[in-house]
Amino acid sequence: MTKSVPGLLFRNPDGVFIVAFTLFSMLKRETDIVGTGMFGTVCDVLYYMFFVLILLRAIFSRKDNNEKERVFLKSFTPLLVFYLAVEAIALLFNSDQSLRYGIGSLVKSVMVIVNMIATVVALGCMYYLTKEKVVTYILIGHLINQAVVIIYGFATNDFGYALSDLFSFFSFSETSESIFEMHGATYCIGALLLYFMTKSKTAKTSKAIFILIPLFIIGQKRVAVGAIAAAVLVWCVIRNMKITKKRLMAFSVLFCIVIMIFVFLLYNGTFFNLMKTLGISTSGRGLLAKYFTRQTSFSITQLPWGLDVVNDVLYHTPYTEIAPNYIAVALHNDILKNFIEFGFIGMIAWLYIMIVHFTERIYEGLGERSVKMYIVLLVYTFILFMFSNSYYSSPLFLLMFILPLAISDDRDISHKKRRKGHETK
């Protein structure tokens, strides 16, 4: 962190824009907690306004040394092409699903692509303007967001109730949603926590960890606790490991196989039967998954439905047809959702891009330290994807790639260049 947050911001207006952009990107997603209606609309407007300001600052900036950002942004081309291909195939060969609710379904799918492009542009501009300091600015934005939600929670509820609810996480009871339960915000706090935990230990990183841990706990997302525990375990294994292309490929292939096995277990019912046997409540997620697996198949012939069509189905289908006594607002399983929307072959292609392609590009372009950061984030985010609807969360997607950028340094790149030169002699 820094000794003087106001001083840091006043010295760099780009930092102010990034803090505001981060803050409103989160507040507009937490409107179920801090209010809806006009407040949500204002947050949307301010979010896009600061996005434009960041873009303009980057366009008219005279900063040099932007080769790293340019190369990194080009690595997203396969993901963009993939999205376009999935939507085209769904429209041409499976229009009964992709256009189930008319032109509105197509508009939502197009917005997924537009949002992905905007997120990638934002992360490139943010890093270009402030380099590694971007993480500090993002962190400040999240801290302000958490403060707003906590203050609002106490202001609109009985103090005693709010206080007990604040610490209800430690009871591990299956109760209704807490007034402080923040989905996207907590997932982002977890990613930031992993970043500072894997950095070199300094007074600044220790201070950041000290602040982030209680905020992560207050968010009350138990799946995030499991995800961060698994990510830390992986970090302990790879921390001092020498990364090679063969090891990266072995990890990537194994990771892809594990995800496809998970999808298979969802389709044959084994996964949720196991949850039931272990006495783990899934809050209706098994019924939701069953509703969609009955309409699709774990087969190479499974065609894509189209981007974000699953959410469209949930929006238009009466709750009683899907999961009685459960309000189905989201599937809460992005792995299954992506399989349905991308199709069998599309799912394999998506896993290849997210796991194989990006690990290779980050290793080649940013170095060993950055690819280790990305591996840790892959484990963390994919566990979240298994039990939540967070894949299309722009703030989390942004952190997934901007943190490896921020943790990179010239020593990693120089070392890799020297090693490559030595190997070619």
Protein backbone atom coordinates (compact mmCIF):
# COMPACT_ATOMS: atom_id res chain seq x y z
CA MET A 1 0.00 0.00 0.00
CA THR A 2 1.19 3.57 0.46
CA LYS A 3 1.93 5.96 3.28
CA SER A 4 -0.46 8.55 1.88
CA VAL A 5 -3.39 7.44 -0.25
CA PRO A 6 -4.61 11.03 -0.91
CA GLY A 7 -1.09 12.04 -1.91
CA LEU A 8 -0.83 9.09 -4.28
CA LEU A 9 -4.10 10.03 -5.96
CA PHE A 10 -3.46 13.76 -6.19
CA ARG A 11 -0.10 13.12 -7.84
CA ASN A 12 -1.69 10.93 -10.49
CA PRO A 13 -5.13 11.76 -11.95
CA ASP A 14 -5.05 8.47 -13.86
CA GLY A 15 -5.14 6.77 -10.48
CA VAL A 16 -8.31 8.71 -9.56
CA PHE A 17 -10.00 7.50 -12.75
CA ILE A 18 -9.01 3.88 -12.05
CA VAL A 19 -10.23 4.07 -8.44
CA ALA A 20 -13.57 5.52 -9.59
CA PHE A 21 -13.88 3.01 -12.44
CA THR A 22 -13.27 0.12 -10.03
CA LEU A 23 -15.65 1.53 -7.42
CA PHE A 24 -18.59 1.99 -9.78
CA SER A 25 -17.94 -1.31 -11.56
CA MET A 26 -18.55 -2.97 -8.18
CA LEU A 27 -21.34 -0.75 -6.84
CA LYS A 28 -23.43 -1.30 -9.96
CA ARG A 29 -23.18 -5.04 -9.28
CA GLU A 30 -24.02 -4.77 -5.58
CA THR A 31 -27.22 -2.79 -6.06
CA ASP A 32 -29.19 -5.63 -4.47
CA ILE A 33 -27.45 -4.63 -1.22
CA VAL A 34 -27.08 -0.85 -1.40
CA GLY A 35 -30.22 -0.05 -3.34
CA THR A 36 -31.68 -0.18 -6.82
CA GLY A 37 -33.44 2.17 -9.23
CA MET A 38 -31.80 5.56 -9.71
CA PHE A 39 -28.71 4.59 -7.70
CA GLY A 40 -27.98 1.69 -10.04
CA THR A 41 -28.50 3.90 -13.09
CA VAL A 42 -26.13 6.56 -11.73
CA CYS A 43 -23.48 3.91 -11.05
CA ASP A 44 -23.83 2.62 -14.62
CA VAL A 45 -23.42 6.10 -16.09
CA LEU A 46 -20.37 6.88 -13.93
CA TYR A 47 -18.83 3.48 -14.69
CA TYR A 48 -18.95 4.09 -18.46
CA MET A 49 -17.90 7.72 -18.03
CA PHE A 50 -14.69 6.76 -16.21
CA PHE A 51 -14.08 3.98 -18.75
CA VAL A 52 -14.12 6.61 -21.52
CA LEU A 53 -11.86 8.91 -19.51
CA ILE A 54 -9.31 6.12 -18.99
CA LEU A 55 -9.46 5.27 -22.69
CA LEU A 56 -8.94 8.89 -23.73
CA ARG A 57 -6.05 9.32 -21.28
CA ALA A 58 -4.36 6.26 -22.77
CA ILE A 59 -4.95 7.40 -26.37
CA PHE A 60 -3.50 10.87 -25.81
CA SER A 61 -0.76 9.83 -23.43
CA ARG A 62 2.82 10.20 -24.59
CA LYS A 63 4.15 7.34 -22.51
CA ASP A 64 6.66 5.05 -24.15
CA ASN A 65 7.42 1.35 -23.61
CA ASN A 66 3.97 0.04 -24.42
CA GLU A 67 5.23 -3.03 -26.31
CA LYS A 68 4.37 -5.35 -23.43
CA GLU A 69 0.76 -4.14 -23.31
CA ARG A 70 0.38 -4.39 -27.09
CA VAL A 71 1.67 -7.95 -27.25
CA PHE A 72 -0.43 -8.97 -24.26
CA LEU A 73 -3.63 -7.49 -25.71
CA LYS A 74 -3.06 -9.37 -28.98
CA SER A 75 -3.19 -12.62 -27.00
CA PHE A 76 -6.94 -12.03 -26.50
CA THR A 77 -7.63 -12.32 -30.25
CA PRO A 78 -8.33 -16.10 -30.08
CA LEU A 79 -10.90 -15.52 -27.32
CA LEU A 80 -12.69 -12.86 -29.39
CA VAL A 81 -12.67 -15.09 -32.48
CA PHE A 82 -13.96 -17.96 -30.35
CA TYR A 83 -16.91 -15.90 -29.05
CA LEU A 84 -17.82 -14.84 -32.59
CA ALA A 85 -17.54 -18.42 -33.87
CA VAL A 86 -19.72 -19.83 -31.07
CA GLU A 87 -22.44 -17.27 -31.72
CA ALA A 88 -22.28 -17.82 -35.48
CA ILE A 89 -22.54 -21.63 -35.14
CA ALA A 90 -25.41 -21.29 -32.66
CA LEU A 91 -27.30 -18.97 -35.03
CA LEU A 92 -26.70 -21.13 -38.11
CA PHE A 93 -27.19 -24.61 -36.69
CA ASN A 94 -29.07 -24.23 -33.41
CA SER A 95 -31.29 -21.18 -33.83
CA ASP A 96 -34.11 -22.83 -31.86
CA GLN A 97 -31.99 -22.25 -28.77
CA SER A 98 -29.90 -19.20 -29.68
CA LEU A 99 -33.01 -17.26 -30.75
CA ARG A 100 -35.40 -18.91 -28.31
CA TYR A 101 -36.68 -15.54 -27.16
CA GLY A 102 -36.22 -13.63 -30.39
CA ILE A 103 -33.88 -10.77 -31.16
CA GLY A 104 -33.48 -10.03 -27.44
CA SER A 105 -31.42 -13.21 -27.03
CA LEU A 106 -29.10 -12.14 -29.85
CA VAL A 107 -28.67 -8.67 -28.34
CA LYS A 108 -27.63 -10.18 -24.99
CA SER A 109 -25.12 -12.43 -26.74
CA VAL A 110 -23.64 -9.49 -28.65
CA MET A 111 -23.35 -7.53 -25.39
CA VAL A 112 -21.23 -10.35 -23.93
CA ILE A 113 -18.75 -9.85 -26.77
CA VAL A 114 -18.83 -6.05 -26.44
CA ASN A 115 -18.30 -6.31 -22.68
CA MET A 116 -15.32 -8.63 -23.14
CA ILE A 117 -13.71 -6.23 -25.61
CA ALA A 118 -14.31 -3.27 -23.29
CA THR A 119 -12.83 -5.16 -20.32
CA VAL A 120 -9.69 -6.10 -22.26
CA VAL A 121 -9.27 -2.53 -23.51
CA ALA A 122 -9.75 -1.24 -19.95
CA LEU A 123 -7.12 -3.54 -18.45
CA GLY A 124 -4.64 -2.62 -21.18
CA CYS A 125 -5.19 1.12 -20.72
CA MET A 126 -5.10 0.93 -16.92
CA TYR A 127 -1.81 -0.92 -16.88
CA TYR A 128 -0.33 1.27 -19.63
CA LEU A 129 -1.09 4.44 -17.64
CA THR A 130 0.06 3.34 -14.18
CA LYS A 131 2.05 0.08 -14.57
CA GLU A 132 2.29 -1.95 -11.33
CA LYS A 133 0.61 0.85 -9.32
CA VAL A 134 -2.65 -0.16 -10.99
CA VAL A 135 -3.13 -2.82 -8.31
CA THR A 136 -2.96 -0.19 -5.55
CA TYR A 137 -5.58 1.92 -7.30
CA ILE A 138 -7.86 -1.09 -7.86
CA LEU A 139 -7.42 -2.03 -4.20
CA ILE A 140 -8.42 1.47 -3.07
CA GLY A 141 -11.55 1.25 -5.25
CA HIS A 142 -12.51 -2.05 -3.63
CA LEU A 143 -11.86 -0.73 -0.12
CA ILE A 144 -14.20 2.21 -0.75
CA ASN A 145 -16.82 -0.15 -2.17
CA GLN A 146 -16.63 -2.39 0.91
CA ALA A 147 -16.91 0.64 3.19
CA VAL A 148 -20.02 1.88 1.36
CA VAL A 149 -21.74 -1.51 1.61
CA ILE A 150 -20.88 -1.97 5.31
CA ILE A 151 -22.00 1.56 6.24
CA TYR A 152 -25.23 1.09 4.30
CA GLY A 153 -25.83 -2.25 6.02
CA PHE A 154 -25.57 -0.70 9.48
CA ALA A 155 -27.52 2.41 8.49
CA THR A 156 -30.54 0.48 7.17
CA ASN A 157 -30.73 -2.27 9.81
CA ASP A 158 -30.88 -2.57 13.56
CA PHE A 159 -27.33 -2.16 14.88
CA GLY A 160 -27.40 -5.37 16.93
CA TYR A 161 -28.78 -7.39 14.03
CA ALA A 162 -26.24 -5.93 11.60
CA LEU A 163 -23.39 -6.63 14.02
CA SER A 164 -24.42 -10.27 14.53
CA ASP A 165 -24.95 -10.67 10.79
CA LEU A 166 -21.48 -9.25 10.13
CA PHE A 167 -19.92 -12.13 12.07
CA SER A 168 -22.42 -14.82 11.04
CA PHE A 169 -19.82 -16.26 8.66
CA PHE A 170 -18.16 -18.05 11.59
CA SER A 171 -21.36 -19.96 12.42
CA PHE A 172 -21.24 -21.83 9.06
CA SER A 173 -25.02 -22.18 9.26
CA GLU A 174 -27.28 -22.55 6.23
CA THR A 175 -29.31 -19.39 6.66
CA SER A 176 -30.73 -16.78 4.33
CA GLU A 177 -28.33 -14.49 2.54
CA SER A 178 -26.50 -12.05 4.75
CA ILE A 179 -26.94 -8.32 4.25
CA PHE A 180 -23.15 -8.15 3.89
CA GLU A 181 -22.81 -11.08 1.46
CA MET A 182 -21.10 -9.59 -1.59
CA HIS A 183 -20.56 -11.98 -4.46
CA GLY A 184 -18.42 -10.26 -7.08
CA ALA A 185 -16.69 -7.96 -4.60
CA THR A 186 -15.57 -10.84 -2.39
CA TYR A 187 -14.27 -12.83 -5.35
CA CYS A 188 -12.18 -9.82 -6.42
CA ILE A 189 -10.89 -9.30 -2.87
CA GLY A 190 -9.81 -12.96 -2.91
CA ALA A 191 -7.88 -12.45 -6.15
CA LEU A 192 -6.15 -9.38 -4.71
CA LEU A 193 -5.35 -11.31 -1.55
CA LEU A 194 -3.66 -14.02 -3.64
CA TYR A 195 -1.64 -11.36 -5.46
CA PHE A 196 -0.23 -9.87 -2.26
CA MET A 197 0.32 -13.32 -0.71
CA THR A 198 2.49 -14.36 -3.67
CA LYS A 199 4.48 -11.12 -3.85
CA SER A 200 7.77 -10.63 -2.08
CA LYS A 201 7.08 -9.98 1.58
CA THR A 202 7.43 -6.30 2.47
CA ALA A 203 5.75 -3.97 4.93
CA LYS A 204 3.40 -2.83 2.14
CA THR A 205 2.28 -6.31 1.16
CA SER A 206 1.83 -7.31 4.81
CA LYS A 207 -0.33 -4.24 5.37
CA ALA A 208 -2.44 -5.06 2.32
CA ILE A 209 -2.94 -8.67 3.49
CA PHE A 210 -3.86 -7.45 6.98
CA ILE A 211 -6.60 -5.23 5.47
CA LEU A 212 -7.87 -7.71 2.89
CA ILE A 213 -8.35 -10.79 5.11
CA PRO A 214 -11.17 -9.34 7.28
CA LEU A 215 -12.85 -7.84 4.21
CA PHE A 216 -12.67 -11.24 2.51
CA ILE A 217 -14.28 -12.86 5.56
CA ILE A 218 -17.00 -10.19 5.79
CA GLY A 219 -17.99 -11.00 2.18
CA GLN A 220 -19.24 -14.36 3.49
CA LYS A 221 -18.64 -16.51 0.40
CA ARG A 222 -17.67 -19.98 1.59
CA VAL A 223 -16.89 -21.16 -1.93
CA ALA A 224 -14.29 -18.39 -2.13
CA VAL A 225 -12.66 -19.70 1.05
CA GLY A 226 -12.33 -23.15 -0.50
CA ALA A 227 -11.06 -21.66 -3.75
CA ILE A 228 -8.42 -19.54 -2.07
CA ALA A 229 -7.29 -22.50 0.07
CA ALA A 230 -6.79 -24.61 -3.07
CA ALA A 231 -4.97 -21.74 -4.82
CA VAL A 232 -2.60 -21.26 -1.88
CA LEU A 233 -1.89 -25.00 -1.85
CA VAL A 234 -0.99 -24.88 -5.55
CA TRP A 235 1.22 -21.84 -4.89
CA CYS A 236 3.10 -23.76 -2.21
CA VAL A 237 3.77 -26.53 -4.74
CA ILE A 238 4.92 -24.33 -7.65
CA ARG A 239 6.54 -21.51 -5.68
CA ASN A 240 10.09 -22.80 -6.00
CA MET A 241 9.47 -24.99 -9.02
CA LYS A 242 11.33 -24.31 -12.24
CA ILE A 243 8.75 -23.63 -14.95
CA THR A 244 9.35 -25.20 -18.37
CA LYS A 245 7.14 -25.49 -21.43
CA LYS A 246 6.75 -29.24 -20.85
CA ARG A 247 5.58 -28.70 -17.27
CA LEU A 248 3.21 -25.96 -18.37
CA MET A 249 1.71 -28.22 -21.03
CA ALA A 250 1.36 -31.10 -18.55
CA PHE A 251 -0.42 -28.82 -16.07
CA SER A 252 -2.67 -27.38 -18.78
CA VAL A 253 -3.72 -30.76 -20.19
CA LEU A 254 -4.37 -32.17 -16.71
CA PHE A 255 -6.41 -29.09 -15.77
CA CYS A 256 -8.54 -29.40 -18.92
CA ILE A 257 -9.17 -33.10 -18.27
CA VAL A 258 -10.24 -32.38 -14.67
CA ILE A 259 -12.76 -29.77 -15.85
CA MET A 260 -14.24 -32.11 -18.48
CA ILE A 261 -14.52 -34.89 -15.88
CA PHE A 262 -16.37 -32.43 -13.64
CA VAL A 263 -18.86 -31.75 -16.45
CA PHE A 264 -19.30 -35.50 -17.01
CA LEU A 265 -20.03 -36.01 -13.30
CA LEU A 266 -22.65 -33.27 -13.49
CA TYR A 267 -24.39 -35.01 -16.38
CA ASN A 268 -24.48 -38.48 -14.82
CA GLY A 269 -25.62 -37.06 -11.47
CA THR A 270 -22.62 -38.31 -9.48
CA PHE A 271 -21.43 -34.91 -8.31
CA PHE A 272 -24.64 -33.73 -6.65
CA ASN A 273 -25.34 -37.23 -5.28
CA LEU A 274 -21.94 -37.04 -3.61
CA MET A 275 -22.80 -33.61 -2.17
CA LYS A 276 -26.03 -35.04 -0.78
CA THR A 277 -24.23 -38.05 0.72
CA LEU A 278 -21.72 -35.75 2.43
CA GLY A 279 -24.57 -33.63 3.81
CA ILE A 280 -23.47 -30.52 1.92
CA SER A 281 -26.33 -28.21 0.99
CA THR A 282 -26.28 -27.02 -2.62
CA SER A 283 -29.22 -24.59 -2.19
CA GLY A 284 -31.14 -25.97 -5.17
CA ARG A 285 -28.18 -26.01 -7.55
CA GLY A 286 -28.65 -29.73 -8.22
CA LEU A 287 -32.22 -29.11 -9.41
CA LEU A 288 -31.04 -26.26 -11.61
CA ALA A 289 -28.30 -28.39 -13.15
CA LYS A 290 -30.72 -31.27 -13.73
CA TYR A 291 -33.15 -28.98 -15.54
CA PHE A 292 -30.49 -28.10 -18.13
CA THR A 293 -28.73 -31.47 -18.37
CA ARG A 294 -32.09 -33.05 -19.30
CA GLN A 295 -32.23 -30.73 -22.33
CA THR A 296 -28.63 -31.29 -23.41
CA SER A 297 -26.11 -34.14 -23.49
CA PHE A 298 -22.47 -34.80 -22.70
CA SER A 299 -21.75 -35.68 -26.29
CA ILE A 300 -19.53 -34.43 -29.10
CA THR A 301 -22.75 -33.71 -31.04
CA GLN A 302 -23.92 -31.17 -28.44
CA LEU A 303 -24.21 -27.85 -30.32
CA PRO A 304 -23.74 -24.44 -28.68
CA TRP A 305 -26.82 -22.57 -27.48
CA GLY A 306 -25.18 -19.17 -27.80
CA LEU A 307 -23.62 -16.71 -25.37
CA ASP A 308 -25.56 -16.05 -22.15
CA VAL A 309 -28.66 -17.93 -23.39
CA VAL A 310 -28.85 -19.92 -20.14
CA ASN A 311 -29.54 -16.75 -18.16
CA ASP A 312 -32.19 -15.83 -20.73
CA VAL A 313 -33.89 -19.19 -20.18
CA LEU A 314 -33.86 -18.72 -16.42
CA TYR A 315 -35.32 -15.22 -16.78
CA HIS A 316 -38.26 -16.36 -18.93
CA THR A 317 -39.03 -19.74 -17.29
CA PRO A 318 -41.32 -19.92 -14.22
CA TYR A 319 -39.42 -20.97 -11.11
CA THR A 320 -41.82 -23.87 -10.45
CA GLU A 321 -40.79 -25.52 -13.74
CA ILE A 322 -37.12 -25.48 -12.82
CA ALA A 323 -36.70 -25.91 -9.07
CA PRO A 324 -39.77 -25.77 -6.81
CA ASN A 325 -39.27 -23.62 -3.71
CA TYR A 326 -36.10 -22.15 -5.18
CA ILE A 327 -35.88 -18.79 -6.93
CA ALA A 328 -33.64 -19.54 -9.91
CA VAL A 329 -31.99 -16.25 -10.86
CA ALA A 330 -28.74 -17.89 -12.05
CA LEU A 331 -27.36 -21.38 -12.65
CA HIS A 332 -24.51 -20.83 -10.15
CA ASN A 333 -22.30 -23.16 -12.17
CA ASP A 334 -20.37 -21.37 -14.91
CA ILE A 335 -18.61 -24.56 -16.00
CA LEU A 336 -21.94 -26.22 -16.86
CA LYS A 337 -23.31 -22.93 -18.23
CA ASN A 338 -20.34 -22.55 -20.56
CA PHE A 339 -20.60 -26.17 -21.70
CA ILE A 340 -24.24 -25.61 -22.69
CA GLU A 341 -23.60 -22.24 -24.33
CA PHE A 342 -20.35 -23.25 -26.09
CA GLY A 343 -21.21 -26.85 -26.97
CA PHE A 344 -18.95 -29.90 -26.48
CA ILE A 345 -16.27 -28.93 -29.00
CA GLY A 346 -16.61 -25.27 -28.04
CA MET A 347 -16.00 -26.14 -24.40
CA ILE A 348 -12.73 -27.87 -25.31
CA ALA A 349 -11.72 -24.87 -27.42
CA TRP A 350 -12.53 -22.46 -24.56
CA LEU A 351 -10.49 -24.53 -22.09
CA TYR A 352 -7.60 -24.56 -24.56
CA ILE A 353 -7.68 -20.76 -24.88
CA MET A 354 -8.06 -20.00 -21.17
CA ILE A 355 -5.60 -22.60 -19.91
CA VAL A 356 -3.13 -23.64 -22.63
CA HIS A 357 -3.02 -20.49 -24.78
CA PHE A 358 -2.82 -17.89 -22.02
CA THR A 359 -0.31 -19.79 -19.88
CA GLU A 360 1.99 -20.06 -22.91
CA ARG A 361 1.59 -16.40 -23.87
CA ILE A 362 2.10 -15.13 -20.33
CA TYR A 363 5.16 -17.35 -19.86
CA GLU A 364 6.71 -16.21 -23.15
CA GLY A 365 5.81 -12.54 -22.83
CA LEU A 366 5.93 -11.81 -19.09
CA GLY A 367 8.09 -14.50 -17.54
CA GLU A 368 8.01 -17.24 -14.95
CA ARG A 369 6.78 -15.15 -12.05
CA SER A 370 3.74 -13.95 -13.99
CA VAL A 371 2.75 -17.39 -15.25
CA LYS A 372 2.86 -18.72 -11.68
CA MET A 373 0.50 -15.90 -10.71
CA TYR A 374 -1.82 -16.84 -13.57
CA ILE A 375 -1.78 -20.53 -12.60
CA VAL A 376 -2.78 -19.62 -9.04
CA LEU A 377 -5.57 -17.40 -10.36
CA LEU A 378 -6.72 -20.15 -12.75
CA VAL A 379 -7.18 -22.56 -9.85
CA TYR A 380 -8.97 -19.92 -7.79
CA THR A 381 -11.32 -18.68 -10.53
CA PHE A 382 -12.19 -22.10 -11.98
CA ILE A 383 -13.28 -23.35 -8.55
CA LEU A 384 -15.46 -20.24 -8.34
CA PHE A 385 -16.81 -21.05 -11.80
CA MET A 386 -17.84 -24.50 -10.56
CA PHE A 387 -20.12 -23.09 -7.86
CA SER A 388 -21.04 -19.55 -8.90
CA ASN A 389 -21.99 -17.26 -11.77
CA SER A 390 -18.78 -15.22 -11.94
CA TYR A 391 -17.24 -15.90 -15.38
CA TYR A 392 -18.87 -12.87 -17.00
CA SER A 393 -17.95 -10.64 -14.05
CA SER A 394 -15.84 -7.92 -15.67
CA PRO A 395 -13.96 -6.90 -12.48
CA LEU A 396 -12.88 -10.49 -11.78
CA PHE A 397 -11.96 -11.16 -15.42
CA LEU A 398 -9.91 -7.95 -15.43
CA LEU A 399 -8.00 -8.97 -12.29
CA MET A 400 -7.36 -12.43 -13.70
CA PHE A 401 -5.12 -10.86 -16.34
CA ILE A 402 -3.99 -7.54 -14.92
CA LEU A 403 -2.43 -9.15 -11.82
CA PRO A 404 0.05 -11.27 -13.86
CA LEU A 405 0.90 -8.09 -15.77
CA ALA A 406 1.47 -6.14 -12.56
CA ILE A 407 3.63 -8.80 -10.94
CA SER A 408 5.89 -9.05 -13.98
CA ASP A 409 9.27 -7.33 -13.97
CA ASP A 410 12.18 -6.87 -16.34
CA ARG A 411 14.33 -9.38 -14.47
CA ASP A 412 11.96 -12.22 -15.40
CA ILE A 413 11.89 -11.18 -19.05
CA SER A 414 15.65 -10.58 -19.21
CA HIS A 415 16.34 -13.91 -17.53
CA LYS A 416 14.16 -15.70 -20.03
CA LYS A 417 15.82 -13.94 -22.98
CA ARG A 418 19.28 -14.84 -21.64
CA ARG A 419 18.19 -18.47 -21.16
CA LYS A 420 16.77 -18.60 -24.70
CA GLY A 421 20.00 -17.14 -26.09
CA HIS A 422 22.05 -19.67 -24.17
CA GLU A 423 19.93 -22.56 -25.45
CA THR A 424 20.34 -21.49 -29.07
CA LYS A 425 24.14 -21.36 -28.89
